[in-house]
Amino acid sequence: MYPTQTFIRAWRTWLHSAVPSENFHRGRANAPTYRVELDLDHLHSRLYSLGSAVIAGKSWDYAKLVAEELADLDRIGSDLEACTVPEEEKDVFRSYVLLARSVLAEMTTPFFVNDAV
């Protein structure tokens, strides 16, 4: 089993995108986006583990795991919308969330079988 090409493209794009978590990493707990940044940083770690499992060809219950991560992204999105920061700043977070969603979407059917190998 090998990952699909669409998964690989989404994975690489997401992997090379910066997690918007500067306030979290600098310990600025009073920043309005601190909690969102903390949650996105943790989500990044979980997505990296899931994506690495896909690349390794592990047969996990991706549909269940993806559903859990999507629910978390929905909650993070709601928290973001409640933040009192300019829309331009929110857009940075929204872009990252969209990339994460695209990787997760590709994880629901992450493999194809190549019988020739």
Protein backbone atom coordinates (compact mmCIF):
# COMPACT_ATOMS: atom_id res chain seq x y z
CA MET A 1 0.00 0.00 0.00
CA TYR A 2 1.18 3.46 -0.89
CA PRO A 3 -0.22 6.92 -0.10
CA THR A 4 -2.24 8.54 -2.89
CA GLN A 5 -0.64 11.34 -4.86
CA THR A 6 -3.34 13.76 -3.70
CA PHE A 7 -2.47 12.93 -0.10
CA ILE A 8 1.24 13.48 -0.79
CA ARG A 9 0.55 16.90 -2.36
CA ALA A 10 -1.70 18.00 0.51
CA TRP A 11 0.77 16.62 3.07
CA ARG A 12 3.74 18.46 1.56
CA THR A 13 1.85 21.74 1.30
CA TRP A 14 0.69 21.48 4.92
CA LEU A 15 4.09 20.32 6.15
CA HIS A 16 5.81 23.34 4.63
CA SER A 17 3.34 25.83 6.09
CA ALA A 18 4.11 27.65 9.31
CA VAL A 19 1.89 27.02 12.31
CA PRO A 20 0.62 30.41 13.48
CA SER A 21 1.77 30.02 17.07
CA GLU A 22 4.22 32.82 17.84
CA ASN A 23 2.41 34.03 20.96
CA PHE A 24 2.16 30.49 22.31
CA HIS A 25 5.85 29.77 21.72
CA ARG A 26 6.87 33.07 23.30
CA GLY A 27 4.70 32.43 26.36
CA ARG A 28 2.41 35.40 25.76
CA ALA A 29 -0.51 33.89 27.64
CA ASN A 30 -2.42 37.20 27.62
CA ALA A 31 -2.54 37.36 23.81
CA PRO A 32 -6.11 37.01 22.50
CA THR A 33 -5.08 34.15 20.21
CA TYR A 34 -2.94 32.28 22.75
CA ARG A 35 -5.42 29.43 23.29
CA VAL A 36 -6.01 29.04 19.55
CA GLU A 37 -2.26 28.93 18.97
CA LEU A 38 -1.78 26.34 21.71
CA ASP A 39 -4.51 24.17 20.21
CA LEU A 40 -3.12 24.52 16.68
CA ASP A 41 0.35 23.60 17.88
CA HIS A 42 -1.01 20.43 19.47
CA LEU A 43 -3.10 19.68 16.40
CA HIS A 44 0.03 20.07 14.27
CA SER A 45 1.76 17.36 16.32
CA ARG A 46 -1.19 15.00 16.00
CA LEU A 47 -1.52 15.59 12.26
CA TYR A 48 2.17 14.98 11.81
CA SER A 49 1.80 11.62 13.58
CA LEU A 50 -1.22 10.69 11.46
CA GLY A 51 0.46 11.73 8.23
CA SER A 52 3.60 9.82 9.14
CA ALA A 53 1.45 6.74 9.72
CA VAL A 54 -0.07 7.14 6.25
CA ILE A 55 3.40 7.45 4.71
CA ALA A 56 4.51 4.35 6.61
CA GLY A 57 1.48 2.45 5.29
CA LYS A 58 -0.03 1.77 8.71
CA SER A 59 -3.60 0.50 8.67
CA TRP A 60 -5.25 2.69 11.29
CA ASP A 61 -8.90 3.67 11.53
CA TYR A 62 -8.30 6.93 9.70
CA ALA A 63 -11.99 7.74 9.32
CA LYS A 64 -12.42 7.78 13.11
CA LEU A 65 -9.19 9.69 13.74
CA VAL A 66 -9.98 12.24 11.03
CA ALA A 67 -13.47 12.80 12.46
CA GLU A 68 -11.94 13.55 15.88
CA GLU A 69 -9.45 16.02 14.40
CA LEU A 70 -12.12 17.72 12.30
CA ALA A 71 -14.26 18.18 15.41
CA ASP A 72 -11.26 19.74 17.12
CA LEU A 73 -10.71 22.04 14.13
CA ASP A 74 -14.36 23.10 14.32
CA ARG A 75 -13.90 24.01 17.99
CA ILE A 76 -10.65 25.87 17.23
CA GLY A 77 -12.42 27.77 14.45
CA SER A 78 -15.16 28.83 16.84
CA ASP A 79 -12.58 29.94 19.40
CA LEU A 80 -10.79 31.92 16.69
CA GLU A 81 -13.95 33.72 15.65
CA ALA A 82 -14.50 34.74 19.28
CA CYS A 83 -11.04 36.36 19.45
CA THR A 84 -10.89 40.13 19.39
CA VAL A 85 -8.21 40.54 16.74
CA PRO A 86 -8.35 42.10 13.26
CA GLU A 87 -9.76 39.99 10.44
CA GLU A 88 -6.38 40.06 8.69
CA GLU A 89 -4.83 38.34 11.69
CA LYS A 90 -7.64 35.79 11.79
CA ASP A 91 -7.05 35.08 8.09
CA VAL A 92 -3.58 33.71 8.89
CA PHE A 93 -5.17 31.18 11.23
CA ARG A 94 -7.99 30.42 8.81
CA SER A 95 -5.46 29.63 6.08
CA TYR A 96 -3.65 27.17 8.31
CA VAL A 97 -6.95 25.53 9.32
CA LEU A 98 -7.88 25.10 5.65
CA LEU A 99 -4.56 23.39 4.94
CA ALA A 100 -5.06 21.09 7.91
CA ARG A 101 -8.57 20.25 6.68
CA SER A 102 -7.23 19.42 3.22
CA VAL A 103 -4.71 16.94 4.67
CA LEU A 104 -7.40 15.40 6.85
CA ALA A 105 -9.75 15.06 3.86
CA GLU A 106 -7.09 13.07 2.03
CA MET A 107 -6.61 10.78 5.03
CA THR A 108 -10.09 9.30 4.76
CA THR A 109 -8.90 7.22 1.79
CA PRO A 110 -5.13 7.56 2.09
CA PHE A 111 -3.90 4.48 0.23
CA PHE A 112 -3.85 2.81 -3.11
CA VAL A 113 -2.50 -0.66 -3.76
CA ASN A 114 0.12 -1.15 -6.42
CA ASP A 115 0.11 -4.86 -7.34
CA ALA A 116 3.10 -4.43 -9.65
CA VAL A 117 5.45 -3.77 -6.75
